[in-house]
Every structure is written in C-alpha cells, then in structure tokens.
Amino acid sequence: QVQLVESGGGLVQPGGSLRLSCAASGLRFSLYTMKWYRQAPGKEREVVAAIISGGNIRHYADSVKGRFSISRDNLKKTVDLQMNSLKPEDTAVYYCYAETPYSDQKYWGQGTQVTVSS
C-alpha cells in the first residue's frame, strides 16, 4: 500500500533550524509532485512548499520564502523540508502530500509536530 511517513519534527528555539523528511513507498515516486502542508491549532491547513516531479521547479508560501527549502531524491523516494530561521508562528503539524497529473491519486502522510518556542 501507499505510505508517506514524515520524520524530523520536534522542539526548536526561535532562529533555529529543523529538517523534515518524508519517505514514500508503494508508488511511482518520480511521477508525483510533492508538497509540504502545515496546520496550526485553530487554523486552516496551508501549503508551505511544493516541488514538481522533475525536481527542478519549486514553490514556497510567501511566509517561508528565503527560510525554507524543499528537495527530493527520486531514487530514495524521499522529500525533505529544510527549515531555517524558525519563528514561533511556524509552529504547526507538518504534512507530506503527493499528487500526480497522470491520475487522480492523492496521498497524505500522518504529520509531524514542529514547535518553535523559547
């Protein structure tokens, strides 16, 4: 079965860094656009970063531009989110998401908690 498993979340001080990783299995990973979403308590889930299947085009939410970087390894079937200069407002559950233009398949990971606090 298809699985997206996030890891790397935790507690970090403001200004610190954290690297999230999503490991995919059970799908043709190289055909999928991968995204990172986040959802803070009481707020709507939002896209923070996306990388297309080819890996050369990346998009970021305005709130994280210049601080976050998304990358993928199609051989390892992983997508990472490097988060630098973290702010308290970055605190949220972060989710890995996969979609492909070649089918209606869409998949979500279980989420990993990121807490930015002094």
C-alpha atoms as a PDB file:
ATOM      1  CA  GLN A   1       0.000   0.000   0.000  1.00  0.00           C
ATOM      2  CA  VAL A   2       0.996   3.626  -0.432  1.00  0.00           C
ATOM      3  CA  GLN A   3       2.618   5.244   2.578  1.00  0.00           C
ATOM      4  CA  LEU A   4       4.062   8.676   3.271  1.00  0.00           C
ATOM      5  CA  VAL A   5       5.913   8.793   6.578  1.00  0.00           C
ATOM      6  CA  GLU A   6       7.192  12.092   7.965  1.00  0.00           C
ATOM      7  CA  SER A   7      10.004  12.421  10.462  1.00  0.00           C
ATOM      8  CA  GLY A   8      12.269  15.080  11.923  1.00  0.00           C
ATOM      9  CA  GLY A   9       9.795  17.198  13.840  1.00  0.00           C
ATOM     10  CA  GLY A  10      10.480  18.423  17.336  1.00  0.00           C
ATOM     11  CA  LEU A  11      11.059  21.396  19.600  1.00  0.00           C
ATOM     12  CA  VAL A  12      13.408  24.161  18.497  1.00  0.00           C
ATOM     13  CA  GLN A  13      14.158  27.693  19.695  1.00  0.00           C
ATOM     14  CA  PRO A  14      13.322  30.739  17.564  1.00  0.00           C
ATOM     15  CA  GLY A  15      16.034  31.274  14.972  1.00  0.00           C
ATOM     16  CA  GLY A  16      16.906  27.612  14.952  1.00  0.00           C
ATOM     17  CA  SER A  17      16.707  25.037  12.188  1.00  0.00           C
ATOM     18  CA  LEU A  18      14.974  21.744  11.618  1.00  0.00           C
ATOM     19  CA  ARG A  19      14.937  19.305   8.721  1.00  0.00           C
ATOM     20  CA  LEU A  20      11.819  17.280   7.974  1.00  0.00           C
ATOM     21  CA  SER A  21      11.863  14.185   5.822  1.00  0.00           C
ATOM     22  CA  CYS A  22       9.077  12.254   4.110  1.00  0.00           C
ATOM     23  CA  ALA A  23       9.686   8.691   2.985  1.00  0.00           C
ATOM     24  CA  ALA A  24       7.345   7.351   0.306  1.00  0.00           C
ATOM     25  CA  SER A  25       6.595   3.763  -0.578  1.00  0.00           C
ATOM     26  CA  GLY A  26       4.150   1.904  -2.786  1.00  0.00           C
ATOM     27  CA  LEU A  27       4.012   4.498  -5.580  1.00  0.00           C
ATOM     28  CA  ARG A  28       5.954   5.634  -8.636  1.00  0.00           C
ATOM     29  CA  PHE A  29       7.524   8.453  -6.677  1.00  0.00           C
ATOM     30  CA  SER A  30       9.224  10.131  -9.641  1.00  0.00           C
ATOM     31  CA  LEU A  31       5.829  10.815 -11.260  1.00  0.00           C
ATOM     32  CA  TYR A  32       4.478  12.739  -8.268  1.00  0.00           C
ATOM     33  CA  THR A  33       4.531  16.365  -7.292  1.00  0.00           C
ATOM     34  CA  MET A  34       5.367  16.539  -3.603  1.00  0.00           C
ATOM     35  CA  LYS A  35       4.185  19.192  -1.183  1.00  0.00           C
ATOM     36  CA  TRP A  36       4.570  20.114   2.446  1.00  0.00           C
ATOM     37  CA  TYR A  37       1.499  21.432   4.244  1.00  0.00           C
ATOM     38  CA  ARG A  38       1.178  22.676   7.784  1.00  0.00           C
ATOM     39  CA  GLN A  39      -1.704  23.233  10.148  1.00  0.00           C
ATOM     40  CA  ALA A  40      -1.583  25.219  13.358  1.00  0.00           C
ATOM     41  CA  PRO A  41      -4.242  24.816  16.075  1.00  0.00           C
ATOM     42  CA  GLY A  42      -7.432  26.606  15.077  1.00  0.00           C
ATOM     43  CA  LYS A  43      -6.119  27.439  11.621  1.00  0.00           C
ATOM     44  CA  GLU A  44      -6.658  26.076   8.125  1.00  0.00           C
ATOM     45  CA  ARG A  45      -4.144  23.708   6.614  1.00  0.00           C
ATOM     46  CA  GLU A  46      -1.872  25.575   4.208  1.00  0.00           C
ATOM     47  CA  VAL A  47       0.719  24.704   1.588  1.00  0.00           C
ATOM     48  CA  VAL A  48       4.198  25.819   2.560  1.00  0.00           C
ATOM     49  CA  ALA A  49       6.302  24.287  -0.217  1.00  0.00           C
ATOM     50  CA  ALA A  50       5.957  22.250  -3.401  1.00  0.00           C
ATOM     51  CA  ILE A  51       8.327  20.522  -5.786  1.00  0.00           C
ATOM     52  CA  ILE A  52       7.235  19.073  -9.126  1.00  0.00           C
ATOM     53  CA  SER A  53       8.020  15.530 -10.174  1.00  0.00           C
ATOM     54  CA  GLY A  54      11.068  16.536 -12.202  1.00  0.00           C
ATOM     55  CA  GLY A  55      12.510  18.316  -9.180  1.00  0.00           C
ATOM     56  CA  ASN A  56      13.658  21.498 -10.922  1.00  0.00           C
ATOM     57  CA  ILE A  57      10.666  23.717 -10.134  1.00  0.00           C
ATOM     58  CA  ARG A  58       9.907  24.700  -6.564  1.00  0.00           C
ATOM     59  CA  HIS A  59       7.313  26.967  -4.978  1.00  0.00           C
ATOM     60  CA  TYR A  60       7.026  28.407  -1.489  1.00  0.00           C
ATOM     61  CA  ALA A  61       4.441  30.226   0.531  1.00  0.00           C
ATOM     62  CA  ASP A  62       5.323  33.889   0.988  1.00  0.00           C
ATOM     63  CA  SER A  63       5.594  33.365   4.722  1.00  0.00           C
ATOM     64  CA  VAL A  64       8.501  30.925   4.350  1.00  0.00           C
ATOM     65  CA  LYS A  65      10.354  32.201   1.270  1.00  0.00           C
ATOM     66  CA  GLY A  66      14.033  32.598   1.970  1.00  0.00           C
ATOM     67  CA  ARG A  67      13.826  30.432   5.072  1.00  0.00           C
ATOM     68  CA  PHE A  68      12.545  27.036   3.914  1.00  0.00           C
ATOM     69  CA  SER A  69      13.877  24.823   1.147  1.00  0.00           C
ATOM     70  CA  ILE A  70      12.212  21.752  -0.360  1.00  0.00           C
ATOM     71  CA  SER A  71      14.171  18.993  -2.070  1.00  0.00           C
ATOM     72  CA  ARG A  72      13.582  15.473  -3.325  1.00  0.00           C
ATOM     73  CA  ASP A  73      15.522  12.328  -4.064  1.00  0.00           C
ATOM     74  CA  ASN A  74      13.679  10.205  -6.617  1.00  0.00           C
ATOM     75  CA  LEU A  75      15.995   7.262  -6.079  1.00  0.00           C
ATOM     76  CA  LYS A  76      15.497   7.191  -2.316  1.00  0.00           C
ATOM     77  CA  LYS A  77      11.840   8.232  -2.724  1.00  0.00           C
ATOM     78  CA  THR A  78      12.126  10.995  -0.172  1.00  0.00           C
ATOM     79  CA  VAL A  79      11.214  14.652   0.009  1.00  0.00           C
ATOM     80  CA  ASP A  80      12.772  16.933   2.611  1.00  0.00           C
ATOM     81  CA  LEU A  81      11.947  20.339   4.023  1.00  0.00           C
ATOM     82  CA  GLN A  82      14.867  22.304   5.418  1.00  0.00           C
ATOM     83  CA  MET A  83      13.538  24.953   7.782  1.00  0.00           C
ATOM     84  CA  ASN A  84      15.851  27.753   8.871  1.00  0.00           C
ATOM     85  CA  SER A  85      15.367  30.913  10.911  1.00  0.00           C
ATOM     86  CA  LEU A  86      12.328  29.369  12.529  1.00  0.00           C
ATOM     87  CA  LYS A  87       9.719  31.597  14.127  1.00  0.00           C
ATOM     88  CA  PRO A  88       7.063  30.823  16.740  1.00  0.00           C
ATOM     89  CA  GLU A  89       4.425  31.239  14.027  1.00  0.00           C
ATOM     90  CA  ASP A  90       5.958  28.261  12.214  1.00  0.00           C
ATOM     91  CA  THR A  91       4.627  26.041  14.995  1.00  0.00           C
ATOM     92  CA  ALA A  92       2.274  23.514  13.401  1.00  0.00           C
ATOM     93  CA  VAL A  93       1.802  19.929  12.385  1.00  0.00           C
ATOM     94  CA  TYR A  94       3.599  19.454   9.082  1.00  0.00           C
ATOM     95  CA  TYR A  95       2.222  17.034   6.495  1.00  0.00           C
ATOM     96  CA  CYS A  96       3.711  15.410   3.431  1.00  0.00           C
ATOM     97  CA  TYR A  97       1.429  15.275   0.360  1.00  0.00           C
ATOM     98  CA  ALA A  98       1.721  13.617  -3.042  1.00  0.00           C
ATOM     99  CA  GLU A  99      -0.195  14.120  -6.276  1.00  0.00           C
ATOM    100  CA  THR A 100       0.377  13.315  -9.938  1.00  0.00           C
ATOM    101  CA  PRO A 101      -1.045  14.772 -13.167  1.00  0.00           C
ATOM    102  CA  TYR A 102      -1.297  11.247 -14.566  1.00  0.00           C
ATOM    103  CA  SER A 103      -4.058  10.049 -12.253  1.00  0.00           C
ATOM    104  CA  ASP A 104      -6.439  11.136  -9.502  1.00  0.00           C
ATOM    105  CA  GLN A 105      -4.231   9.613  -6.818  1.00  0.00           C
ATOM    106  CA  LYS A 106      -3.561  11.892  -3.849  1.00  0.00           C
ATOM    107  CA  TYR A 107      -1.864  10.826  -0.643  1.00  0.00           C
ATOM    108  CA  TRP A 108      -1.160  12.302   2.780  1.00  0.00           C
ATOM    109  CA  GLY A 109       1.315  11.495   5.485  1.00  0.00           C
ATOM    110  CA  GLN A 110       0.367  11.293   9.144  1.00  0.00           C
ATOM    111  CA  GLY A 111       2.013  14.577  10.103  1.00  0.00           C
ATOM    112  CA  THR A 112       4.876  15.549  12.372  1.00  0.00           C
ATOM    113  CA  GLN A 113       4.789  18.221  15.077  1.00  0.00           C
ATOM    114  CA  VAL A 114       7.095  21.227  14.860  1.00  0.00           C
ATOM    115  CA  THR A 115       7.176  23.528  17.875  1.00  0.00           C
ATOM    116  CA  VAL A 116       9.183  26.760  17.870  1.00  0.00           C
ATOM    117  CA  SER A 117       9.416  28.193  21.357  1.00  0.00           C
ATOM    118  CA  SER A 118      11.826  29.796  23.800  1.00  0.00           C
END
